[in-house]
Amino acid sequence: MAVVDNEVIGAISSVITAWAVFEATHMMIQGIAVKKEFQNMGIGKKLLQHTESYAKSKSVHGIGLCSGHQRGSAHTLYESNGYSKGTLYFMKNF
């Protein structure tokens, strides 16, 4: 979490999973958010960097995340931090 004056202004959530096919562990970022008034101040970048450091300390092979097409500014953040566009994500709602 990112905290300023005892207020949570950003958070990131992730899970480490095993990739049986590759015999390696992988981290999935399940969510990352920064309050609107604190966006574009480097907070998202710091959350990503902290998560990456943690993943490396756990010998994780790689990190992935899913992001909606409409989140262009978030995509810029991910790409500027070394993440590349990968596969398409398919979903079915009930």
PDB file of N, CA and C in Angstrom:
ATOM      1  N   MET A   1       0.829  -1.181   0.000  1.00  0.00           N
ATOM      2  CA  MET A   1       0.000   0.000   0.000  1.00  0.00           C
ATOM      3  C   MET A   1       0.873   1.243   0.000  1.00  0.00           C
ATOM      4  N   ALA A   2       0.345   2.293  -0.598  1.00  0.00           N
ATOM      5  CA  ALA A   2       0.976   3.608  -0.537  1.00  0.00           C
ATOM      6  C   ALA A   2       0.151   4.450   0.420  1.00  0.00           C
ATOM      7  N   VAL A   3       0.815   5.041   1.406  1.00  0.00           N
ATOM      8  CA  VAL A   3       0.122   5.780   2.454  1.00  0.00           C
ATOM      9  C   VAL A   3       0.736   7.172   2.590  1.00  0.00           C
ATOM     10  N   VAL A   4      -0.120   8.177   2.674  1.00  0.00           N
ATOM     11  CA  VAL A   4       0.301   9.549   2.930  1.00  0.00           C
ATOM     12  C   VAL A   4      -0.564  10.086   4.061  1.00  0.00           C
ATOM     13  N   ASP A   5       0.071  10.587   5.109  1.00  0.00           N
ATOM     14  CA  ASP A   5      -0.656  11.140   6.261  1.00  0.00           C
ATOM     15  C   ASP A   5      -1.728  10.177   6.775  1.00  0.00           C
ATOM     16  N   ASN A   6      -1.354   8.916   6.932  1.00  0.00           N
ATOM     17  CA  ASN A   6      -2.239   7.856   7.425  1.00  0.00           C
ATOM     18  C   ASN A   6      -3.427   7.574   6.521  1.00  0.00           C
ATOM     19  N   GLU A   7      -3.365   7.995   5.262  1.00  0.00           N
ATOM     20  CA  GLU A   7      -4.432   7.732   4.292  1.00  0.00           C
ATOM     21  C   GLU A   7      -3.875   6.839   3.186  1.00  0.00           C
ATOM     22  N   VAL A   8      -4.581   5.751   2.905  1.00  0.00           N
ATOM     23  CA  VAL A   8      -4.181   4.883   1.803  1.00  0.00           C
ATOM     24  C   VAL A   8      -4.519   5.589   0.500  1.00  0.00           C
ATOM     25  N   ILE A   9      -3.493   5.822  -0.317  1.00  0.00           N
ATOM     26  CA  ILE A   9      -3.709   6.507  -1.591  1.00  0.00           C
ATOM     27  C   ILE A   9      -3.463   5.597  -2.787  1.00  0.00           C
ATOM     28  N   GLY A  10      -2.936   4.405  -2.528  1.00  0.00           N
ATOM     29  CA  GLY A  10      -2.695   3.456  -3.602  1.00  0.00           C
ATOM     30  C   GLY A  10      -2.454   2.069  -3.040  1.00  0.00           C
ATOM     31  N   ALA A  11      -2.712   1.080  -3.874  1.00  0.00           N
ATOM     32  CA  ALA A  11      -2.516  -0.298  -3.432  1.00  0.00           C
ATOM     33  C   ALA A  11      -2.268  -1.195  -4.633  1.00  0.00           C
ATOM     34  N   ILE A  12      -1.595  -2.307  -4.368  1.00  0.00           N
ATOM     35  CA  ILE A  12      -1.360  -3.312  -5.390  1.00  0.00           C
ATOM     36  C   ILE A  12      -1.594  -4.674  -4.730  1.00  0.00           C
ATOM     37  N   SER A  13      -2.187  -5.577  -5.471  1.00  0.00           N
ATOM     38  CA  SER A  13      -2.480  -6.915  -4.976  1.00  0.00           C
ATOM     39  C   SER A  13      -1.921  -7.922  -5.967  1.00  0.00           C
ATOM     40  N   SER A  14      -1.266  -8.949  -5.459  1.00  0.00           N
ATOM     41  CA  SER A  14      -0.681  -9.953  -6.351  1.00  0.00           C
ATOM     42  C   SER A  14      -0.742 -11.334  -5.709  1.00  0.00           C
ATOM     43  N   VAL A  15      -0.542 -12.341  -6.548  1.00  0.00           N
ATOM     44  CA  VAL A  15      -0.517 -13.717  -6.071  1.00  0.00           C
ATOM     45  C   VAL A  15       0.579 -14.458  -6.833  1.00  0.00           C
ATOM     46  N   ILE A  16       1.291 -15.319  -6.137  1.00  0.00           N
ATOM     47  CA  ILE A  16       2.322 -16.147  -6.766  1.00  0.00           C
ATOM     48  C   ILE A  16       1.719 -17.517  -7.032  1.00  0.00           C
ATOM     49  N   THR A  17       1.882 -17.989  -8.268  1.00  0.00           N
ATOM     50  CA  THR A  17       1.338 -19.287  -8.660  1.00  0.00           C
ATOM     51  C   THR A  17       2.447 -20.138  -9.275  1.00  0.00           C
ATOM     52  N   ALA A  18       2.205 -21.436  -9.318  1.00  0.00           N
ATOM     53  CA  ALA A  18       3.161 -22.368  -9.932  1.00  0.00           C
ATOM     54  C   ALA A  18       2.764 -22.627 -11.370  1.00  0.00           C
ATOM     55  N   TRP A  19       3.735 -22.586 -12.258  1.00  0.00           N
ATOM     56  CA  TRP A  19       3.523 -22.947 -13.658  1.00  0.00           C
ATOM     57  C   TRP A  19       4.059 -24.361 -13.839  1.00  0.00           C
ATOM     58  N   ALA A  20       3.200 -25.338 -13.794  1.00  0.00           N
ATOM     59  CA  ALA A  20       3.621 -26.735 -13.876  1.00  0.00           C
ATOM     60  C   ALA A  20       4.351 -27.040 -15.184  1.00  0.00           C
ATOM     61  N   VAL A  21       3.893 -26.466 -16.274  1.00  0.00           N
ATOM     62  CA  VAL A  21       4.496 -26.737 -17.581  1.00  0.00           C
ATOM     63  C   VAL A  21       5.948 -26.267 -17.627  1.00  0.00           C
ATOM     64  N   PHE A  22       6.233 -25.118 -17.031  1.00  0.00           N
ATOM     65  CA  PHE A  22       7.573 -24.542 -17.084  1.00  0.00           C
ATOM     66  C   PHE A  22       8.387 -24.808 -15.819  1.00  0.00           C
ATOM     67  N   GLU A  23       7.785 -25.485 -14.857  1.00  0.00           N
ATOM     68  CA  GLU A  23       8.429 -25.753 -13.570  1.00  0.00           C
ATOM     69  C   GLU A  23       8.999 -24.466 -12.959  1.00  0.00           C
ATOM     70  N   ALA A  24       8.176 -23.426 -12.957  1.00  0.00           N
ATOM     71  CA  ALA A  24       8.595 -22.146 -12.403  1.00  0.00           C
ATOM     72  C   ALA A  24       7.413 -21.473 -11.729  1.00  0.00           C
ATOM     73  N   THR A  25       7.714 -20.521 -10.872  1.00  0.00           N
ATOM     74  CA  THR A  25       6.641 -19.746 -10.262  1.00  0.00           C
ATOM     75  C   THR A  25       6.465 -18.446 -11.037  1.00  0.00           C
ATOM     76  N   HIS A  26       5.277 -17.919 -10.967  1.00  0.00           N
ATOM     77  CA  HIS A  26       4.908 -16.722 -11.706  1.00  0.00           C
ATOM     78  C   HIS A  26       4.039 -15.867 -10.790  1.00  0.00           C
ATOM     79  N   MET A  27       4.137 -14.569 -10.924  1.00  0.00           N
ATOM     80  CA  MET A  27       3.292 -13.676 -10.136  1.00  0.00           C
ATOM     81  C   MET A  27       2.269 -13.022 -11.057  1.00  0.00           C
ATOM     82  N   MET A  28       1.051 -12.956 -10.593  1.00  0.00           N
ATOM     83  CA  MET A  28      -0.002 -12.226 -11.296  1.00  0.00           C
ATOM     84  C   MET A  28      -0.408 -11.043 -10.430  1.00  0.00           C
ATOM     85  N   ILE A  29      -0.352  -9.853 -11.024  1.00  0.00           N
ATOM     86  CA  ILE A  29      -0.865  -8.671 -10.340  1.00  0.00           C
ATOM     87  C   ILE A  29      -2.371  -8.684 -10.554  1.00  0.00           C
ATOM     88  N   GLN A  30      -3.101  -8.784  -9.475  1.00  0.00           N
ATOM     89  CA  GLN A  30      -4.558  -8.869  -9.559  1.00  0.00           C
ATOM     90  C   GLN A  30      -5.212  -7.507  -9.601  1.00  0.00           C
ATOM     91  N   GLY A  31      -4.538  -6.506  -9.087  1.00  0.00           N
ATOM     92  CA  GLY A  31      -5.096  -5.165  -9.107  1.00  0.00           C
ATOM     93  C   GLY A  31      -4.064  -4.148  -8.678  1.00  0.00           C
ATOM     94  N   ILE A  32      -4.139  -2.977  -9.272  1.00  0.00           N
ATOM     95  CA  ILE A  32      -3.295  -1.855  -8.880  1.00  0.00           C
ATOM     96  C   ILE A  32      -4.136  -0.594  -9.062  1.00  0.00           C
ATOM     97  N   ALA A  33      -4.122   0.256  -8.051  1.00  0.00           N
ATOM     98  CA  ALA A  33      -4.936   1.474  -8.118  1.00  0.00           C
ATOM     99  C   ALA A  33      -4.281   2.580  -7.308  1.00  0.00           C
ATOM    100  N   VAL A  34      -4.416   3.787  -7.813  1.00  0.00           N
ATOM    101  CA  VAL A  34      -3.960   4.986  -7.111  1.00  0.00           C
ATOM    102  C   VAL A  34      -5.110   5.984  -7.175  1.00  0.00           C
ATOM    103  N   LYS A  35      -5.414   6.606  -6.034  1.00  0.00           N
ATOM    104  CA  LYS A  35      -6.485   7.606  -6.017  1.00  0.00           C
ATOM    105  C   LYS A  35      -6.222   8.662  -7.080  1.00  0.00           C
ATOM    106  N   LYS A  36      -7.293   9.086  -7.725  1.00  0.00           N
ATOM    107  CA  LYS A  36      -7.191  10.002  -8.863  1.00  0.00           C
ATOM    108  C   LYS A  36      -6.321  11.233  -8.579  1.00  0.00           C
ATOM    109  N   GLU A  37      -6.502  11.842  -7.423  1.00  0.00           N
ATOM    110  CA  GLU A  37      -5.752  13.065  -7.131  1.00  0.00           C
ATOM    111  C   GLU A  37      -4.255  12.823  -6.904  1.00  0.00           C
ATOM    112  N   PHE A  38      -3.851  11.555  -6.805  1.00  0.00           N
ATOM    113  CA  PHE A  38      -2.440  11.220  -6.610  1.00  0.00           C
ATOM    114  C   PHE A  38      -1.825  10.524  -7.829  1.00  0.00           C
ATOM    115  N   GLN A  39      -2.586  10.425  -8.911  1.00  0.00           N
ATOM    116  CA  GLN A  39      -2.068   9.788 -10.119  1.00  0.00           C
ATOM    117  C   GLN A  39      -1.048  10.694 -10.805  1.00  0.00           C
ATOM    118  N   ASN A  40      -0.205  10.087 -11.622  1.00  0.00           N
ATOM    119  CA  ASN A  40       0.860  10.790 -12.365  1.00  0.00           C
ATOM    120  C   ASN A  40       1.886  11.441 -11.443  1.00  0.00           C
ATOM    121  N   MET A  41       2.108  10.824 -10.280  1.00  0.00           N
ATOM    122  CA  MET A  41       3.105  11.327  -9.327  1.00  0.00           C
ATOM    123  C   MET A  41       4.160  10.263  -9.025  1.00  0.00           C
ATOM    124  N   GLY A  42       4.152   9.164  -9.792  1.00  0.00           N
ATOM    125  CA  GLY A  42       5.147   8.110  -9.587  1.00  0.00           C
ATOM    126  C   GLY A  42       4.756   7.056  -8.568  1.00  0.00           C
ATOM    127  N   ILE A  43       3.559   7.132  -8.026  1.00  0.00           N
ATOM    128  CA  ILE A  43       3.138   6.191  -6.994  1.00  0.00           C
ATOM    129  C   ILE A  43       2.913   4.808  -7.583  1.00  0.00           C
ATOM    130  N   GLY A  44       2.244   4.745  -8.738  1.00  0.00           N
ATOM    131  CA  GLY A  44       2.039   3.452  -9.397  1.00  0.00           C
ATOM    132  C   GLY A  44       3.359   2.788  -9.725  1.00  0.00           C
ATOM    133  N   LYS A  45       4.315   3.573 -10.184  1.00  0.00           N
ATOM    134  CA  LYS A  45       5.648   3.053 -10.507  1.00  0.00           C
ATOM    135  C   LYS A  45       6.305   2.466  -9.255  1.00  0.00           C
ATOM    136  N   LYS A  46       6.203   3.182  -8.138  1.00  0.00           N
ATOM    137  CA  LYS A  46       6.794   2.685  -6.890  1.00  0.00           C
ATOM    138  C   LYS A  46       6.108   1.399  -6.427  1.00  0.00           C
ATOM    139  N   LEU A  47       4.802   1.314  -6.601  1.00  0.00           N
ATOM    140  CA  LEU A  47       4.095   0.084  -6.239  1.00  0.00           C
ATOM    141  C   LEU A  47       4.575  -1.082  -7.104  1.00  0.00           C
ATOM    142  N   LEU A  48       4.737  -0.835  -8.404  1.00  0.00           N
ATOM    143  CA  LEU A  48       5.250  -1.883  -9.298  1.00  0.00           C
ATOM    144  C   LEU A  48       6.665  -2.293  -8.898  1.00  0.00           C
ATOM    145  N   GLN A  49       7.522  -1.327  -8.646  1.00  0.00           N
ATOM    146  CA  GLN A  49       8.911  -1.624  -8.291  1.00  0.00           C
ATOM    147  C   GLN A  49       8.992  -2.426  -6.997  1.00  0.00           C
ATOM    148  N   HIS A  50       8.179  -2.068  -6.014  1.00  0.00           N
ATOM    149  CA  HIS A  50       8.169  -2.814  -4.745  1.00  0.00           C
ATOM    150  C   HIS A  50       7.721  -4.255  -4.982  1.00  0.00           C
ATOM    151  N   THR A  51       6.696  -4.425  -5.792  1.00  0.00           N
ATOM    152  CA  THR A  51       6.181  -5.765  -6.090  1.00  0.00           C
ATOM    153  C   THR A  51       7.221  -6.583  -6.846  1.00  0.00           C
ATOM    154  N   GLU A  52       7.917  -5.962  -7.787  1.00  0.00           N
ATOM    155  CA  GLU A  52       8.969  -6.655  -8.530  1.00  0.00           C
ATOM    156  C   GLU A  52      10.111  -7.085  -7.613  1.00  0.00           C
ATOM    157  N   SER A  53      10.506  -6.225  -6.696  1.00  0.00           N
ATOM    158  CA  SER A  53      11.566  -6.572  -5.739  1.00  0.00           C
ATOM    159  C   SER A  53      11.156  -7.766  -4.890  1.00  0.00           C
ATOM    160  N   TYR A  54       9.917  -7.751  -4.442  1.00  0.00           N
ATOM    161  CA  TYR A  54       9.404  -8.870  -3.651  1.00  0.00           C
ATOM    162  C   TYR A  54       9.412 -10.155  -4.476  1.00  0.00           C
ATOM    163  N   ALA A  55       8.957 -10.060  -5.720  1.00  0.00           N
ATOM    164  CA  ALA A  55       8.924 -11.237  -6.594  1.00  0.00           C
ATOM    165  C   ALA A  55      10.327 -11.809  -6.798  1.00  0.00           C
ATOM    166  N   LYS A  56      11.291 -10.943  -7.038  1.00  0.00           N
ATOM    167  CA  LYS A  56      12.679 -11.401  -7.226  1.00  0.00           C
ATOM    168  C   LYS A  56      13.212 -12.076  -5.968  1.00  0.00           C
ATOM    169  N   SER A  57      12.848 -11.552  -4.806  1.00  0.00           N
ATOM    170  CA  SER A  57      13.314 -12.146  -3.551  1.00  0.00           C
ATOM    171  C   SER A  57      12.730 -13.542  -3.341  1.00  0.00           C
ATOM    172  N   LYS A  58      11.630 -13.832  -4.031  1.00  0.00           N
ATOM    173  CA  LYS A  58      10.981 -15.145  -3.937  1.00  0.00           C
ATOM    174  C   LYS A  58      11.316 -16.023  -5.143  1.00  0.00           C
ATOM    175  N   SER A  59      12.290 -15.600  -5.957  1.00  0.00           N
ATOM    176  CA  SER A  59      12.737 -16.345  -7.157  1.00  0.00           C
ATOM    177  C   SER A  59      11.609 -16.577  -8.158  1.00  0.00           C
ATOM    178  N   VAL A  60      10.735 -15.606  -8.298  1.00  0.00           N
ATOM    179  CA  VAL A  60       9.641 -15.685  -9.257  1.00  0.00           C
ATOM    180  C   VAL A  60      10.198 -15.512 -10.664  1.00  0.00           C
ATOM    181  N   HIS A  61       9.690 -16.300 -11.609  1.00  0.00           N
ATOM    182  CA  HIS A  61      10.161 -16.297 -12.992  1.00  0.00           C
ATOM    183  C   HIS A  61       9.720 -15.056 -13.769  1.00  0.00           C
ATOM    184  N   GLY A  62       8.512 -14.565 -13.521  1.00  0.00           N
ATOM    185  CA  GLY A  62       7.993 -13.412 -14.253  1.00  0.00           C
ATOM    186  C   GLY A  62       6.721 -12.893 -13.605  1.00  0.00           C
ATOM    187  N   ILE A  63       6.288 -11.726 -14.077  1.00  0.00           N
ATOM    188  CA  ILE A  63       5.074 -11.087 -13.556  1.00  0.00           C
ATOM    189  C   ILE A  63       4.151 -10.775 -14.720  1.00  0.00           C
ATOM    190  N   GLY A  64       2.860 -11.015 -14.529  1.00  0.00           N
ATOM    191  CA  GLY A  64       1.862 -10.685 -15.533  1.00  0.00           C
ATOM    192  C   GLY A  64       0.705  -9.933 -14.906  1.00  0.00           C
ATOM    193  N   LEU A  65      -0.065  -9.279 -15.754  1.00  0.00           N
ATOM    194  CA  LEU A  65      -1.266  -8.597 -15.284  1.00  0.00           C
ATOM    195  C   LEU A  65      -2.224  -8.448 -16.450  1.00  0.00           C
ATOM    196  N   CYS A  66      -3.482  -8.275 -16.153  1.00  0.00           N
ATOM    197  CA  CYS A  66      -4.509  -8.027 -17.171  1.00  0.00           C
ATOM    198  C   CYS A  66      -4.988  -6.588 -16.988  1.00  0.00           C
ATOM    199  N   SER A  67      -5.274  -5.937 -18.105  1.00  0.00           N
ATOM    200  CA  SER A  67      -5.736  -4.553 -18.049  1.00  0.00           C
ATOM    201  C   SER A  67      -6.712  -4.312 -19.186  1.00  0.00           C
ATOM    202  N   GLY A  68      -7.831  -3.666 -18.890  1.00  0.00           N
ATOM    203  CA  GLY A  68      -8.849  -3.398 -19.900  1.00  0.00           C
ATOM    204  C   GLY A  68      -8.359  -2.471 -20.999  1.00  0.00           C
ATOM    205  N   HIS A  69      -8.926  -2.617 -22.187  1.00  0.00           N
ATOM    206  CA  HIS A  69      -8.544  -1.788 -23.331  1.00  0.00           C
ATOM    207  C   HIS A  69      -8.697  -0.298 -23.057  1.00  0.00           C
ATOM    208  N   GLN A  70      -9.660   0.078 -22.227  1.00  0.00           N
ATOM    209  CA  GLN A  70      -9.969   1.484 -21.979  1.00  0.00           C
ATOM    210  C   GLN A  70      -8.970   2.157 -21.041  1.00  0.00           C
ATOM    211  N   ARG A  71      -8.041   1.422 -20.465  1.00  0.00           N
ATOM    212  CA  ARG A  71      -7.126   1.990 -19.467  1.00  0.00           C
ATOM    213  C   ARG A  71      -5.792   2.416 -20.075  1.00  0.00           C
ATOM    214  N   GLY A  72      -5.859   3.277 -21.077  1.00  0.00           N
ATOM    215  CA  GLY A  72      -4.673   3.696 -21.819  1.00  0.00           C
ATOM    216  C   GLY A  72      -3.554   4.263 -20.972  1.00  0.00           C
ATOM    217  N   SER A  73      -3.889   5.101 -19.989  1.00  0.00           N
ATOM    218  CA  SER A  73      -2.826   5.685 -19.163  1.00  0.00           C
ATOM    219  C   SER A  73      -2.141   4.624 -18.312  1.00  0.00           C
ATOM    220  N   ALA A  74      -2.889   3.625 -17.881  1.00  0.00           N
ATOM    221  CA  ALA A  74      -2.284   2.522 -17.130  1.00  0.00           C
ATOM    222  C   ALA A  74      -1.345   1.726 -18.035  1.00  0.00           C
ATOM    223  N   HIS A  75      -1.732   1.543 -19.289  1.00  0.00           N
ATOM    224  CA  HIS A  75      -0.887   0.807 -20.227  1.00  0.00           C
ATOM    225  C   HIS A  75       0.449   1.526 -20.428  1.00  0.00           C
ATOM    226  N   THR A  76       0.398   2.847 -20.478  1.00  0.00           N
ATOM    227  CA  THR A  76       1.624   3.635 -20.602  1.00  0.00           C
ATOM    228  C   THR A  76       2.536   3.392 -19.407  1.00  0.00           C
ATOM    229  N   LEU A  77       1.963   3.343 -18.205  1.00  0.00           N
ATOM    230  CA  LEU A  77       2.736   3.050 -16.995  1.00  0.00           C
ATOM    231  C   LEU A  77       3.396   1.687 -17.107  1.00  0.00           C
ATOM    232  N   TYR A  78       2.630   0.671 -17.483  1.00  0.00           N
ATOM    233  CA  TYR A  78       3.180  -0.681 -17.555  1.00  0.00           C
ATOM    234  C   TYR A  78       4.297  -0.769 -18.587  1.00  0.00           C
ATOM    235  N   GLU A  79       4.054  -0.219 -19.771  1.00  0.00           N
ATOM    236  CA  GLU A  79       5.054  -0.297 -20.836  1.00  0.00           C
ATOM    237  C   GLU A  79       6.317   0.488 -20.481  1.00  0.00           C
ATOM    238  N   SER A  80       6.177   1.627 -19.818  1.00  0.00           N
ATOM    239  CA  SER A  80       7.359   2.410 -19.444  1.00  0.00           C
ATOM    240  C   SER A  80       8.162   1.732 -18.340  1.00  0.00           C
ATOM    241  N   ASN A  81       7.579   0.722 -17.709  1.00  0.00           N
ATOM    242  CA  ASN A  81       8.277  -0.042 -16.676  1.00  0.00           C
ATOM    243  C   ASN A  81       8.689  -1.425 -17.156  1.00  0.00           C
ATOM    244  N   GLY A  82       8.715  -1.618 -18.469  1.00  0.00           N
ATOM    245  CA  GLY A  82       9.259  -2.852 -19.034  1.00  0.00           C
ATOM    246  C   GLY A  82       8.272  -3.960 -19.318  1.00  0.00           C
ATOM    247  N   TYR A  83       7.000  -3.725 -19.092  1.00  0.00           N
ATOM    248  CA  TYR A  83       5.993  -4.743 -19.379  1.00  0.00           C
ATOM    249  C   TYR A  83       5.617  -4.656 -20.858  1.00  0.00           C
ATOM    250  N   SER A  84       5.402  -5.803 -21.482  1.00  0.00           N
ATOM    251  CA  SER A  84       5.016  -5.809 -22.892  1.00  0.00           C
ATOM    252  C   SER A  84       3.632  -6.412 -23.042  1.00  0.00           C
ATOM    253  N   LYS A  85       2.951  -6.005 -24.106  1.00  0.00           N
ATOM    254  CA  LYS A  85       1.625  -6.556 -24.368  1.00  0.00           C
ATOM    255  C   LYS A  85       1.769  -8.026 -24.719  1.00  0.00           C
ATOM    256  N   GLY A  86       0.888  -8.830 -24.142  1.00  0.00           N
ATOM    257  CA  GLY A  86       0.940 -10.263 -24.373  1.00  0.00           C
ATOM    258  C   GLY A  86      -0.331 -10.766 -25.016  1.00  0.00           C
ATOM    259  N   THR A  87      -0.846 -11.821 -24.459  1.00  0.00           N
ATOM    260  CA  THR A  87      -2.013 -12.485 -25.020  1.00  0.00           C
ATOM    261  C   THR A  87      -3.295 -11.718 -24.727  1.00  0.00           C
ATOM    262  N   LEU A  88      -4.334 -12.071 -25.439  1.00  0.00           N
ATOM    263  CA  LEU A  88      -5.656 -11.519 -25.171  1.00  0.00           C
ATOM    264  C   LEU A  88      -6.293 -12.276 -24.014  1.00  0.00           C
ATOM    265  N   TYR A  89      -7.110 -11.597 -23.272  1.00  0.00           N
ATOM    266  CA  TYR A  89      -7.810 -12.194 -22.143  1.00  0.00           C
ATOM    267  C   TYR A  89      -9.266 -12.355 -22.546  1.00  0.00           C
ATOM    268  N   PHE A  90      -9.782 -13.554 -22.393  1.00  0.00           N
ATOM    269  CA  PHE A  90     -11.176 -13.826 -22.756  1.00  0.00           C
ATOM    270  C   PHE A  90     -11.968 -14.082 -21.479  1.00  0.00           C
ATOM    271  N   MET A  91     -13.222 -13.610 -21.473  1.00  0.00           N
ATOM    272  CA  MET A  91     -14.045 -13.731 -20.287  1.00  0.00           C
ATOM    273  C   MET A  91     -15.487 -13.999 -20.694  1.00  0.00           C
ATOM    274  N   LYS A  92     -16.181 -14.740 -19.881  1.00  0.00           N
ATOM    275  CA  LYS A  92     -17.600 -14.997 -20.099  1.00  0.00           C
ATOM    276  C   LYS A  92     -18.338 -14.700 -18.804  1.00  0.00           C
ATOM    277  N   ASN A  93     -19.282 -13.776 -18.859  1.00  0.00           N
ATOM    278  CA  ASN A  93     -20.090 -13.429 -17.697  1.00  0.00           C
ATOM    279  C   ASN A  93     -21.356 -14.278 -17.662  1.00  0.00           C
ATOM    280  N   PHE A  94     -21.810 -14.565 -16.469  1.00  0.00           N
ATOM    281  CA  PHE A  94     -23.071 -15.305 -16.303  1.00  0.00           C
ATOM    282  C   PHE A  94     -24.101 -14.446 -15.613  1.00  0.00           C
TER     283      PHE A  94
END
